[in-house]
Amino acid sequence: MKRNKALVLVLAMVLVAALIATVGCGSDKKAKEELRAALDKVEQNIANLTKTFMSGGTVPDVKKAKDAFAADWQAVVAAAEKVKGADAAAAKAAWEKLDAAITALPDDANLATVGASLLPAVQELQKVEQDLRKLVGTSQ
């Protein structure tokens, strides 16, 4: 009788462990899908920001382009926090660096100043986006 109870207990523990593993995998899959969707959204925003300052846009234009995707990038950070192995801190830091670089630009800055100030920050943001993209894959 004791042996049967022990066997039932062991089987119950195995079942619970399997259930937890299955639910955990589902959560990670959903989290990756959310991160992938957030990355898809910001990909065009990064291109628009780069185009704005590379094609002679004014500093107010660049600030407007940055503001247009601030919430989308924050969605990337929030989604990255839920994905195992994603570096959400790097995503947050890259945004803070870009935000600080753009905020520091005087509205009358010339194109050379804008490019020199922003290119490293944009490249860092793109690298983080690419690293996260490698983790979650591309959209189907």
N, C-alpha and C. Protein backbone atom coordinates (compact mmCIF):
# COMPACT_ATOMS: atom_id res chain seq x y z
N MET A 1 0.81 -1.18 0.00
CA MET A 1 0.00 0.00 0.00
C MET A 1 0.87 1.27 0.00
N LYS A 2 1.89 1.26 0.86
CA LYS A 2 2.79 2.41 0.90
C LYS A 2 3.51 2.57 -0.43
N ARG A 3 3.83 1.44 -1.03
CA ARG A 3 4.54 1.49 -2.31
C ARG A 3 3.64 2.11 -3.39
N ASN A 4 2.37 1.77 -3.39
CA ASN A 4 1.43 2.34 -4.35
C ASN A 4 1.29 3.85 -4.16
N LYS A 5 1.22 4.28 -2.91
CA LYS A 5 1.11 5.71 -2.62
C LYS A 5 2.36 6.44 -3.10
N ALA A 6 3.52 5.84 -2.87
CA ALA A 6 4.77 6.44 -3.32
C ALA A 6 4.81 6.53 -4.84
N LEU A 7 4.36 5.49 -5.52
CA LEU A 7 4.34 5.47 -6.97
C LEU A 7 3.38 6.54 -7.51
N VAL A 8 2.22 6.65 -6.90
CA VAL A 8 1.25 7.67 -7.31
C VAL A 8 1.84 9.06 -7.08
N LEU A 9 2.50 9.26 -5.97
CA LEU A 9 3.12 10.54 -5.67
C LEU A 9 4.19 10.89 -6.69
N VAL A 10 5.04 9.94 -7.04
CA VAL A 10 6.09 10.16 -8.03
C VAL A 10 5.46 10.49 -9.39
N LEU A 11 4.46 9.73 -9.79
CA LEU A 11 3.79 9.99 -11.06
C LEU A 11 3.14 11.37 -11.08
N ALA A 12 2.55 11.76 -9.97
CA ALA A 12 1.92 13.08 -9.88
C ALA A 12 2.97 14.18 -10.03
N MET A 13 4.12 13.99 -9.40
CA MET A 13 5.20 14.98 -9.50
C MET A 13 5.72 15.07 -10.92
N VAL A 14 5.86 13.95 -11.60
CA VAL A 14 6.31 13.94 -12.99
C VAL A 14 5.30 14.66 -13.87
N LEU A 15 4.03 14.41 -13.64
CA LEU A 15 2.97 15.06 -14.40
C LEU A 15 2.98 16.57 -14.19
N VAL A 16 3.13 17.00 -12.96
CA VAL A 16 3.20 18.43 -12.66
C VAL A 16 4.42 19.06 -13.33
N ALA A 17 5.56 18.41 -13.27
CA ALA A 17 6.77 18.93 -13.91
C ALA A 17 6.58 19.05 -15.42
N ALA A 18 5.97 18.05 -16.02
CA ALA A 18 5.71 18.09 -17.47
C ALA A 18 4.75 19.21 -17.82
N LEU A 19 3.75 19.41 -16.99
CA LEU A 19 2.78 20.48 -17.22
C LEU A 19 3.44 21.84 -17.12
N ILE A 20 4.27 22.03 -16.13
CA ILE A 20 4.99 23.29 -15.97
C ILE A 20 5.90 23.54 -17.16
N ALA A 21 6.60 22.54 -17.61
CA ALA A 21 7.49 22.69 -18.76
C ALA A 21 6.71 23.06 -20.01
N THR A 22 5.56 22.44 -20.20
CA THR A 22 4.74 22.73 -21.37
C THR A 22 4.20 24.15 -21.32
N VAL A 23 3.70 24.56 -20.19
CA VAL A 23 3.18 25.91 -20.04
C VAL A 23 4.30 26.92 -20.20
N GLY A 24 5.47 26.64 -19.65
CA GLY A 24 6.61 27.54 -19.78
C GLY A 24 7.03 27.71 -21.22
N CYS A 25 7.04 26.65 -21.99
CA CYS A 25 7.39 26.74 -23.40
C CYS A 25 6.38 27.57 -24.15
N GLY A 26 5.11 27.41 -23.83
CA GLY A 26 4.08 28.19 -24.48
C GLY A 26 4.23 29.67 -24.17
N SER A 27 4.56 29.99 -22.93
CA SER A 27 4.76 31.37 -22.54
C SER A 27 5.94 31.98 -23.27
N ASP A 28 7.04 31.23 -23.38
CA ASP A 28 8.22 31.73 -24.07
C ASP A 28 7.92 31.93 -25.55
N LYS A 29 7.16 31.04 -26.13
CA LYS A 29 6.79 31.18 -27.54
C LYS A 29 5.96 32.44 -27.73
N LYS A 30 4.99 32.65 -26.86
CA LYS A 30 4.15 33.85 -26.95
C LYS A 30 4.99 35.11 -26.74
N ALA A 31 5.89 35.08 -25.78
CA ALA A 31 6.76 36.23 -25.51
C ALA A 31 7.63 36.54 -26.72
N LYS A 32 8.15 35.50 -27.36
CA LYS A 32 8.96 35.72 -28.57
C LYS A 32 8.12 36.30 -29.70
N GLU A 33 6.89 35.84 -29.82
CA GLU A 33 6.00 36.39 -30.85
C GLU A 33 5.72 37.86 -30.59
N GLU A 34 5.52 38.22 -29.32
CA GLU A 34 5.29 39.62 -28.97
C GLU A 34 6.53 40.47 -29.26
N LEU A 35 7.70 39.95 -28.94
CA LEU A 35 8.93 40.67 -29.22
C LEU A 35 9.13 40.82 -30.72
N ARG A 36 8.88 39.77 -31.47
CA ARG A 36 9.02 39.81 -32.93
C ARG A 36 8.10 40.88 -33.52
N ALA A 37 6.86 40.93 -33.05
CA ALA A 37 5.91 41.93 -33.54
C ALA A 37 6.37 43.35 -33.20
N ALA A 38 6.89 43.53 -32.00
CA ALA A 38 7.40 44.84 -31.59
C ALA A 38 8.60 45.24 -32.44
N LEU A 39 9.47 44.29 -32.73
CA LEU A 39 10.64 44.57 -33.58
C LEU A 39 10.21 44.92 -35.00
N ASP A 40 9.20 44.23 -35.51
CA ASP A 40 8.69 44.54 -36.85
C ASP A 40 8.22 45.99 -36.92
N LYS A 41 7.58 46.44 -35.85
CA LYS A 41 7.08 47.81 -35.81
C LYS A 41 8.21 48.84 -35.81
N VAL A 42 9.24 48.60 -35.04
CA VAL A 42 10.30 49.61 -34.93
C VAL A 42 11.28 49.58 -36.09
N GLU A 43 11.32 48.51 -36.82
CA GLU A 43 12.26 48.42 -37.94
C GLU A 43 12.06 49.59 -38.91
N GLN A 44 10.83 49.87 -39.27
CA GLN A 44 10.55 50.99 -40.18
C GLN A 44 10.82 52.33 -39.50
N ASN A 45 10.56 52.41 -38.20
CA ASN A 45 10.83 53.65 -37.47
C ASN A 45 12.31 53.99 -37.47
N ILE A 46 13.15 52.99 -37.30
CA ILE A 46 14.60 53.22 -37.34
C ILE A 46 15.01 53.71 -38.72
N ALA A 47 14.46 53.08 -39.75
CA ALA A 47 14.76 53.50 -41.13
C ALA A 47 14.31 54.94 -41.37
N ASN A 48 13.14 55.30 -40.86
CA ASN A 48 12.65 56.67 -41.03
C ASN A 48 13.53 57.68 -40.31
N LEU A 49 13.97 57.35 -39.11
CA LEU A 49 14.85 58.24 -38.37
C LEU A 49 16.16 58.43 -39.11
N THR A 50 16.74 57.34 -39.56
CA THR A 50 18.01 57.41 -40.30
C THR A 50 17.84 58.23 -41.57
N LYS A 51 16.78 57.99 -42.29
CA LYS A 51 16.52 58.73 -43.54
C LYS A 51 16.36 60.22 -43.25
N THR A 52 15.69 60.54 -42.15
CA THR A 52 15.46 61.94 -41.80
C THR A 52 16.76 62.70 -41.62
N PHE A 53 17.70 62.13 -40.87
CA PHE A 53 18.94 62.89 -40.65
C PHE A 53 19.95 62.71 -41.76
N MET A 54 19.86 61.64 -42.53
CA MET A 54 20.81 61.44 -43.63
C MET A 54 20.40 62.22 -44.88
N SER A 55 19.13 62.56 -45.00
CA SER A 55 18.66 63.25 -46.20
C SER A 55 18.50 64.75 -45.99
N GLY A 56 19.09 65.26 -44.94
CA GLY A 56 19.09 66.70 -44.74
C GLY A 56 17.92 67.23 -43.94
N GLY A 57 17.25 66.38 -43.19
CA GLY A 57 16.16 66.85 -42.34
C GLY A 57 16.69 67.77 -41.25
N THR A 58 15.84 68.60 -40.73
CA THR A 58 16.24 69.51 -39.67
C THR A 58 16.25 68.77 -38.32
N VAL A 59 16.85 69.39 -37.34
CA VAL A 59 16.87 68.79 -36.00
C VAL A 59 15.45 68.62 -35.46
N PRO A 60 14.56 69.62 -35.64
CA PRO A 60 13.18 69.38 -35.20
C PRO A 60 12.54 68.17 -35.91
N ASP A 61 12.88 67.96 -37.19
CA ASP A 61 12.38 66.78 -37.91
C ASP A 61 12.90 65.49 -37.27
N VAL A 62 14.17 65.50 -36.90
CA VAL A 62 14.79 64.32 -36.28
C VAL A 62 14.13 64.05 -34.92
N LYS A 63 13.91 65.11 -34.15
CA LYS A 63 13.27 64.96 -32.84
C LYS A 63 11.85 64.42 -33.00
N LYS A 64 11.16 64.89 -34.01
CA LYS A 64 9.80 64.42 -34.28
C LYS A 64 9.81 62.94 -34.67
N ALA A 65 10.78 62.54 -35.50
CA ALA A 65 10.90 61.13 -35.91
C ALA A 65 11.20 60.25 -34.70
N LYS A 66 12.06 60.74 -33.81
CA LYS A 66 12.38 59.97 -32.59
C LYS A 66 11.15 59.84 -31.70
N ASP A 67 10.44 60.93 -31.52
CA ASP A 67 9.24 60.89 -30.68
C ASP A 67 8.17 59.96 -31.26
N ALA A 68 8.14 59.86 -32.59
CA ALA A 68 7.13 59.03 -33.26
C ALA A 68 7.28 57.55 -32.93
N PHE A 69 8.50 57.13 -32.57
CA PHE A 69 8.63 55.71 -32.26
C PHE A 69 9.12 55.40 -30.86
N ALA A 70 9.07 56.39 -29.99
CA ALA A 70 9.47 56.16 -28.60
C ALA A 70 8.63 55.07 -27.95
N ALA A 71 7.32 55.15 -28.10
CA ALA A 71 6.44 54.14 -27.48
C ALA A 71 6.67 52.76 -28.08
N ASP A 72 6.93 52.71 -29.39
CA ASP A 72 7.18 51.42 -30.04
C ASP A 72 8.47 50.79 -29.51
N TRP A 73 9.50 51.60 -29.29
CA TRP A 73 10.74 51.03 -28.75
C TRP A 73 10.54 50.57 -27.31
N GLN A 74 9.75 51.32 -26.55
CA GLN A 74 9.47 50.89 -25.18
C GLN A 74 8.73 49.55 -25.17
N ALA A 75 7.91 49.32 -26.20
CA ALA A 75 7.24 48.02 -26.33
C ALA A 75 8.26 46.92 -26.59
N VAL A 76 9.32 47.24 -27.33
CA VAL A 76 10.40 46.27 -27.56
C VAL A 76 11.07 45.93 -26.23
N VAL A 77 11.37 46.94 -25.45
CA VAL A 77 12.02 46.72 -24.14
C VAL A 77 11.12 45.85 -23.26
N ALA A 78 9.84 46.19 -23.19
CA ALA A 78 8.91 45.43 -22.34
C ALA A 78 8.80 43.98 -22.82
N ALA A 79 8.73 43.79 -24.12
CA ALA A 79 8.64 42.43 -24.66
C ALA A 79 9.93 41.66 -24.43
N ALA A 80 11.07 42.33 -24.56
CA ALA A 80 12.36 41.68 -24.36
C ALA A 80 12.53 41.20 -22.91
N GLU A 81 11.94 41.91 -21.98
CA GLU A 81 12.02 41.51 -20.57
C GLU A 81 11.36 40.16 -20.31
N LYS A 82 10.47 39.74 -21.20
CA LYS A 82 9.74 38.49 -21.02
C LYS A 82 10.37 37.31 -21.76
N VAL A 83 11.41 37.59 -22.56
CA VAL A 83 12.02 36.54 -23.38
C VAL A 83 13.34 36.12 -22.75
N LYS A 84 13.45 34.83 -22.49
CA LYS A 84 14.68 34.29 -21.91
C LYS A 84 15.84 34.53 -22.87
N GLY A 85 16.91 35.11 -22.35
CA GLY A 85 18.11 35.36 -23.14
C GLY A 85 18.13 36.71 -23.84
N ALA A 86 17.02 37.43 -23.82
CA ALA A 86 16.97 38.75 -24.45
C ALA A 86 17.60 39.78 -23.51
N ASP A 87 18.38 40.67 -24.07
CA ASP A 87 19.06 41.68 -23.27
C ASP A 87 18.21 42.96 -23.25
N ALA A 88 17.21 42.97 -22.41
CA ALA A 88 16.32 44.13 -22.30
C ALA A 88 17.08 45.35 -21.79
N ALA A 89 18.07 45.13 -20.95
CA ALA A 89 18.86 46.26 -20.43
C ALA A 89 19.62 46.95 -21.56
N ALA A 90 20.14 46.18 -22.50
CA ALA A 90 20.84 46.76 -23.65
C ALA A 90 19.87 47.55 -24.52
N ALA A 91 18.66 47.04 -24.67
CA ALA A 91 17.64 47.74 -25.46
C ALA A 91 17.28 49.07 -24.81
N LYS A 92 17.13 49.04 -23.50
CA LYS A 92 16.80 50.27 -22.77
C LYS A 92 17.96 51.26 -22.84
N ALA A 93 19.18 50.77 -22.65
CA ALA A 93 20.36 51.65 -22.69
C ALA A 93 20.56 52.26 -24.07
N ALA A 94 20.33 51.48 -25.12
CA ALA A 94 20.48 51.99 -26.48
C ALA A 94 19.48 53.12 -26.74
N TRP A 95 18.26 52.93 -26.26
CA TRP A 95 17.26 53.99 -26.44
C TRP A 95 17.66 55.24 -25.67
N GLU A 96 18.10 55.07 -24.44
CA GLU A 96 18.49 56.22 -23.62
C GLU A 96 19.64 56.98 -24.26
N LYS A 97 20.58 56.26 -24.86
CA LYS A 97 21.71 56.90 -25.54
C LYS A 97 21.21 57.70 -26.75
N LEU A 98 20.32 57.11 -27.54
CA LEU A 98 19.78 57.80 -28.70
C LEU A 98 18.97 59.02 -28.27
N ASP A 99 18.13 58.84 -27.29
CA ASP A 99 17.30 59.94 -26.79
C ASP A 99 18.16 61.10 -26.30
N ALA A 100 19.20 60.78 -25.55
CA ALA A 100 20.10 61.82 -25.03
C ALA A 100 20.83 62.53 -26.17
N ALA A 101 21.28 61.77 -27.17
CA ALA A 101 21.99 62.37 -28.30
C ALA A 101 21.09 63.32 -29.08
N ILE A 102 19.85 62.92 -29.30
CA ILE A 102 18.93 63.77 -30.05
C ILE A 102 18.51 64.98 -29.22
N THR A 103 18.23 64.76 -27.96
CA THR A 103 17.82 65.86 -27.09
C THR A 103 18.92 66.91 -26.97
N ALA A 104 20.17 66.49 -27.00
CA ALA A 104 21.29 67.42 -26.86
C ALA A 104 21.54 68.28 -28.10
N LEU A 105 20.95 67.89 -29.23
CA LEU A 105 21.19 68.65 -30.46
C LEU A 105 20.48 70.00 -30.42
N PRO A 106 21.22 71.07 -30.72
CA PRO A 106 20.53 72.36 -30.85
C PRO A 106 19.69 72.34 -32.13
N ASP A 107 18.56 73.03 -32.11
CA ASP A 107 17.66 73.00 -33.26
C ASP A 107 18.29 73.52 -34.55
N ASP A 108 19.34 74.32 -34.43
CA ASP A 108 19.97 74.87 -35.63
C ASP A 108 21.26 74.13 -36.02
N ALA A 109 21.46 72.94 -35.48
CA ALA A 109 22.68 72.16 -35.80
C ALA A 109 22.71 71.83 -37.29
N ASN A 110 23.94 71.80 -37.84
CA ASN A 110 24.07 71.47 -39.26
C ASN A 110 24.09 69.96 -39.45
N LEU A 111 23.97 69.55 -40.70
CA LEU A 111 23.87 68.13 -41.04
C LEU A 111 25.07 67.33 -40.56
N ALA A 112 26.27 67.90 -40.66
CA ALA A 112 27.47 67.18 -40.23
C ALA A 112 27.43 66.90 -38.72
N THR A 113 26.99 67.89 -37.96
CA THR A 113 26.88 67.72 -36.51
C THR A 113 25.83 66.67 -36.17
N VAL A 114 24.71 66.74 -36.86
CA VAL A 114 23.63 65.78 -36.61
C VAL A 114 24.12 64.36 -36.89
N GLY A 115 24.74 64.18 -38.04
CA GLY A 115 25.24 62.85 -38.42
C GLY A 115 26.28 62.33 -37.44
N ALA A 116 27.23 63.18 -37.09
CA ALA A 116 28.29 62.76 -36.18
C ALA A 116 27.74 62.42 -34.79
N SER A 117 26.74 63.15 -34.36
CA SER A 117 26.17 62.92 -33.03
C SER A 117 25.27 61.69 -32.99
N LEU A 118 24.53 61.47 -34.06
CA LEU A 118 23.51 60.43 -34.02
C LEU A 118 23.92 59.08 -34.57
N LEU A 119 24.84 59.06 -35.50
CA LEU A 119 25.18 57.80 -36.15
C LEU A 119 25.59 56.71 -35.15
N PRO A 120 26.48 56.98 -34.20
CA PRO A 120 26.84 55.91 -33.24
C PRO A 120 25.64 55.41 -32.42
N ALA A 121 24.77 56.33 -32.02
CA ALA A 121 23.61 55.93 -31.22
C ALA A 121 22.62 55.12 -32.05
N VAL A 122 22.41 55.52 -33.30
CA VAL A 122 21.50 54.77 -34.18
C VAL A 122 22.08 53.39 -34.47
N GLN A 123 23.39 53.33 -34.70
CA GLN A 123 24.02 52.04 -34.96
C GLN A 123 23.89 51.10 -33.76
N GLU A 124 24.02 51.63 -32.57
CA GLU A 124 23.87 50.81 -31.37
C GLU A 124 22.43 50.29 -31.26
N LEU A 125 21.46 51.17 -31.55
CA LEU A 125 20.07 50.75 -31.52
C LEU A 125 19.81 49.66 -32.56
N GLN A 126 20.39 49.82 -33.75
CA GLN A 126 20.23 48.81 -34.80
C GLN A 126 20.87 47.49 -34.39
N LYS A 127 22.01 47.55 -33.72
CA LYS A 127 22.67 46.32 -33.29
C LYS A 127 21.80 45.57 -32.27
N VAL A 128 21.23 46.30 -31.34
CA VAL A 128 20.35 45.68 -30.35
C VAL A 128 19.15 45.06 -31.07
N GLU A 129 18.58 45.79 -32.02
CA GLU A 129 17.44 45.28 -32.78
C GLU A 129 17.82 43.99 -33.50
N GLN A 130 18.99 43.98 -34.11
CA GLN A 130 19.46 42.78 -34.84
C GLN A 130 19.71 41.61 -33.88
N ASP A 131 20.30 41.89 -32.72
CA ASP A 131 20.55 40.83 -31.74
C ASP A 131 19.24 40.21 -31.24
N LEU A 132 18.27 41.06 -30.97
CA LEU A 132 16.97 40.56 -30.53
C LEU A 132 16.28 39.79 -31.65
N ARG A 133 16.43 40.28 -32.87
CA ARG A 133 15.83 39.62 -34.03
C ARG A 133 16.41 38.21 -34.20
N LYS A 134 17.72 38.07 -33.98
CA LYS A 134 18.35 36.74 -34.07
C LYS A 134 17.75 35.79 -33.04
N LEU A 135 17.42 36.31 -31.89
CA LEU A 135 16.87 35.50 -30.82
C LEU A 135 15.46 35.00 -31.13
N VAL A 136 14.67 35.83 -31.78
CA VAL A 136 13.26 35.47 -32.02
C VAL A 136 12.97 35.07 -33.46
N GLY A 137 13.89 35.32 -34.37
CA GLY A 137 13.65 34.98 -35.77
C GLY A 137 12.83 36.04 -36.47
N THR A 138 12.56 35.79 -37.75
CA THR A 138 11.80 36.74 -38.54
C THR A 138 10.33 36.36 -38.55
N SER A 139 9.51 37.29 -38.98
CA SER A 139 8.06 37.03 -39.06
C SER A 139 7.77 36.03 -40.15
N GLN A 140 6.72 35.26 -39.93
CA GLN A 140 6.32 34.27 -40.93
C GLN A 140 5.53 34.94 -42.01
